[in-house]
């Protein structure tokens, strides 16, 4: 599961470099063990070049055994999503796995 949160006044208007956080909830399977982990990246999106600028990993919990279950990992993922939304990152885009299209959500606080 992955989503990108943007901080912009309006998602419909073009912003040169809107700031974003990308949150990913992932599963690592190795040696018969399954581990859920969260990766968070931070940067600015360049609409003209269609790529991220100053894209930096700010959190990676892999190997830390923080989450005893997927439910626990998902709850922490949802907590991070709400925390970033409280700081103005309320425009969310996720990729629909069936259609490949971006799905927009305005995060209500």
C-alpha atoms as a PDB file:
ATOM      1  CA  UNK A   1       0.000   0.000   0.000  1.00  0.00           C
ATOM      2  CA  UNK A   2       1.375   3.363  -0.971  1.00  0.00           C
ATOM      3  CA  UNK A   3       0.049   6.902  -1.073  1.00  0.00           C
ATOM      4  CA  UNK A   4       1.435  10.347  -1.707  1.00  0.00           C
ATOM      5  CA  UNK A   5       0.346  13.336   0.363  1.00  0.00           C
ATOM      6  CA  UNK A   6       0.727  16.823  -1.115  1.00  0.00           C
ATOM      7  CA  UNK A   7       0.788  20.206   0.574  1.00  0.00           C
ATOM      8  CA  UNK A   8      -0.705  22.715  -1.841  1.00  0.00           C
ATOM      9  CA  UNK A   9      -3.466  25.303  -1.710  1.00  0.00           C
ATOM     10  CA  UNK A  10      -5.364  23.628  -4.537  1.00  0.00           C
ATOM     11  CA  UNK A  11      -4.646  20.324  -6.273  1.00  0.00           C
ATOM     12  CA  UNK A  12      -6.224  21.611  -9.484  1.00  0.00           C
ATOM     13  CA  UNK A  13      -3.754  24.440  -9.969  1.00  0.00           C
ATOM     14  CA  UNK A  14      -0.246  23.812 -11.145  1.00  0.00           C
ATOM     15  CA  UNK A  15       2.387  24.461  -8.515  1.00  0.00           C
ATOM     16  CA  UNK A  16       6.024  24.576  -9.532  1.00  0.00           C
ATOM     17  CA  UNK A  17       7.264  22.317  -6.752  1.00  0.00           C
ATOM     18  CA  UNK A  18       4.537  21.031  -4.424  1.00  0.00           C
ATOM     19  CA  UNK A  19       5.960  19.457  -1.286  1.00  0.00           C
ATOM     20  CA  UNK A  20       5.041  15.806  -0.709  1.00  0.00           C
ATOM     21  CA  UNK A  21       5.389  12.816   1.585  1.00  0.00           C
ATOM     22  CA  UNK A  22       5.118   9.310   0.157  1.00  0.00           C
ATOM     23  CA  UNK A  23       4.004   6.709   2.692  1.00  0.00           C
ATOM     24  CA  UNK A  24       4.385   3.009   1.922  1.00  0.00           C
ATOM     25  CA  UNK A  25       3.324  -0.008   3.945  1.00  0.00           C
ATOM     26  CA  UNK A  26       5.301  -3.001   2.691  1.00  0.00           C
ATOM     27  CA  UNK A  27       5.798  -6.659   3.483  1.00  0.00           C
ATOM     28  CA  UNK A  28       9.196  -8.325   3.500  1.00  0.00           C
ATOM     29  CA  UNK A  29       9.295 -12.122   3.281  1.00  0.00           C
ATOM     30  CA  UNK A  30      12.576 -13.880   3.928  1.00  0.00           C
ATOM     31  CA  UNK A  31      13.519 -17.225   5.424  1.00  0.00           C
ATOM     32  CA  UNK A  32       9.880 -18.050   6.073  1.00  0.00           C
ATOM     33  CA  UNK A  33       9.347 -14.925   8.139  1.00  0.00           C
ATOM     34  CA  UNK A  34       6.964 -12.133   7.194  1.00  0.00           C
ATOM     35  CA  UNK A  35       7.634  -8.595   8.381  1.00  0.00           C
ATOM     36  CA  UNK A  36       5.579  -5.473   7.762  1.00  0.00           C
ATOM     37  CA  UNK A  37       7.435  -2.198   7.578  1.00  0.00           C
ATOM     38  CA  UNK A  38       6.845   1.451   6.712  1.00  0.00           C
ATOM     39  CA  UNK A  39       8.899   3.651   4.421  1.00  0.00           C
ATOM     40  CA  UNK A  40       8.367   7.422   4.247  1.00  0.00           C
ATOM     41  CA  UNK A  41       9.949   9.663   1.625  1.00  0.00           C
ATOM     42  CA  UNK A  42       9.888  13.466   1.498  1.00  0.00           C
ATOM     43  CA  UNK A  43      10.511  15.812  -1.415  1.00  0.00           C
ATOM     44  CA  UNK A  44       9.122  18.243  -3.955  1.00  0.00           C
ATOM     45  CA  UNK A  45       7.403  17.284  -7.211  1.00  0.00           C
ATOM     46  CA  UNK A  46       8.574  18.889 -10.458  1.00  0.00           C
ATOM     47  CA  UNK A  47       5.517  18.897 -12.728  1.00  0.00           C
ATOM     48  CA  UNK A  48       7.489  20.018 -15.770  1.00  0.00           C
ATOM     49  CA  UNK A  49      10.111  17.253 -15.502  1.00  0.00           C
ATOM     50  CA  UNK A  50       7.601  14.743 -14.085  1.00  0.00           C
ATOM     51  CA  UNK A  51       9.919  13.613 -11.293  1.00  0.00           C
ATOM     52  CA  UNK A  52      10.738  14.266  -7.668  1.00  0.00           C
ATOM     53  CA  UNK A  53      13.341  16.755  -6.528  1.00  0.00           C
ATOM     54  CA  UNK A  54      15.292  16.347  -3.297  1.00  0.00           C
ATOM     55  CA  UNK A  55      13.516  13.022  -2.711  1.00  0.00           C
ATOM     56  CA  UNK A  56      14.805  11.782   0.670  1.00  0.00           C
ATOM     57  CA  UNK A  57      13.931   8.744   2.760  1.00  0.00           C
ATOM     58  CA  UNK A  58      12.961   9.963   6.228  1.00  0.00           C
ATOM     59  CA  UNK A  59      11.845   6.656   7.795  1.00  0.00           C
ATOM     60  CA  UNK A  60      12.395   2.963   7.146  1.00  0.00           C
ATOM     61  CA  UNK A  61      11.315   0.542   9.872  1.00  0.00           C
ATOM     62  CA  UNK A  62      12.488  -2.655   8.115  1.00  0.00           C
ATOM     63  CA  UNK A  63      14.434  -4.962  10.418  1.00  0.00           C
ATOM     64  CA  UNK A  64      13.226  -3.263  13.576  1.00  0.00           C
ATOM     65  CA  UNK A  65      10.422  -5.753  14.345  1.00  0.00           C
ATOM     66  CA  UNK A  66       8.148  -2.881  15.360  1.00  0.00           C
ATOM     67  CA  UNK A  67       4.939  -4.466  14.140  1.00  0.00           C
ATOM     68  CA  UNK A  68       3.835  -7.862  15.401  1.00  0.00           C
ATOM     69  CA  UNK A  69       1.021  -7.962  12.819  1.00  0.00           C
ATOM     70  CA  UNK A  70      -0.234  -6.310   9.643  1.00  0.00           C
ATOM     71  CA  UNK A  71      -3.012  -4.693  11.693  1.00  0.00           C
ATOM     72  CA  UNK A  72      -0.455  -3.022  13.965  1.00  0.00           C
ATOM     73  CA  UNK A  73       1.557  -1.799  10.976  1.00  0.00           C
ATOM     74  CA  UNK A  74      -1.593  -0.495   9.271  1.00  0.00           C
ATOM     75  CA  UNK A  75      -2.616   1.402  12.418  1.00  0.00           C
ATOM     76  CA  UNK A  76       0.803   3.093  12.538  1.00  0.00           C
ATOM     77  CA  UNK A  77       0.564   3.858   8.788  1.00  0.00           C
ATOM     78  CA  UNK A  78      -2.851   5.495   9.382  1.00  0.00           C
ATOM     79  CA  UNK A  79      -1.384   7.459  12.299  1.00  0.00           C
ATOM     80  CA  UNK A  80       1.401   8.855  10.091  1.00  0.00           C
ATOM     81  CA  UNK A  81      -1.177   9.754   7.425  1.00  0.00           C
ATOM     82  CA  UNK A  82      -3.223  11.740   9.956  1.00  0.00           C
ATOM     83  CA  UNK A  83      -0.140  13.449  11.411  1.00  0.00           C
ATOM     84  CA  UNK A  84       0.977  14.691   7.992  1.00  0.00           C
ATOM     85  CA  UNK A  85      -2.591  15.761   7.170  1.00  0.00           C
ATOM     86  CA  UNK A  86      -2.660  17.845  10.373  1.00  0.00           C
ATOM     87  CA  UNK A  87       0.435  19.620   9.022  1.00  0.00           C
ATOM     88  CA  UNK A  88      -1.332  20.548   5.775  1.00  0.00           C
ATOM     89  CA  UNK A  89      -0.643  17.491   3.594  1.00  0.00           C
ATOM     90  CA  UNK A  90      -4.337  16.829   2.935  1.00  0.00           C
ATOM     91  CA  UNK A  91      -4.308  15.988  -0.781  1.00  0.00           C
ATOM     92  CA  UNK A  92      -3.728  12.274  -1.273  1.00  0.00           C
ATOM     93  CA  UNK A  93      -3.060  10.314  -4.456  1.00  0.00           C
ATOM     94  CA  UNK A  94      -2.969   6.535  -4.645  1.00  0.00           C
ATOM     95  CA  UNK A  95      -2.601   4.272  -7.665  1.00  0.00           C
ATOM     96  CA  UNK A  96      -5.602   2.045  -8.418  1.00  0.00           C
ATOM     97  CA  UNK A  97      -4.036  -1.389  -8.896  1.00  0.00           C
ATOM     98  CA  UNK A  98      -6.738  -2.525 -11.351  1.00  0.00           C
ATOM     99  CA  UNK A  99      -6.855   0.497 -13.657  1.00  0.00           C
ATOM    100  CA  UNK A 100      -3.436   2.070 -13.048  1.00  0.00           C
ATOM    101  CA  UNK A 101      -5.115   5.453 -12.628  1.00  0.00           C
ATOM    102  CA  UNK A 102      -4.465   7.905  -9.810  1.00  0.00           C
ATOM    103  CA  UNK A 103      -7.223   8.123  -7.197  1.00  0.00           C
ATOM    104  CA  UNK A 104      -7.595  11.458  -5.376  1.00  0.00           C
ATOM    105  CA  UNK A 105      -8.730  11.828  -1.763  1.00  0.00           C
ATOM    106  CA  UNK A 106      -9.106  14.969   0.316  1.00  0.00           C
ATOM    107  CA  UNK A 107      -8.226  13.960   3.862  1.00  0.00           C
ATOM    108  CA  UNK A 108     -10.815  15.327   6.269  1.00  0.00           C
ATOM    109  CA  UNK A 109      -9.592  16.083   9.769  1.00  0.00           C
END
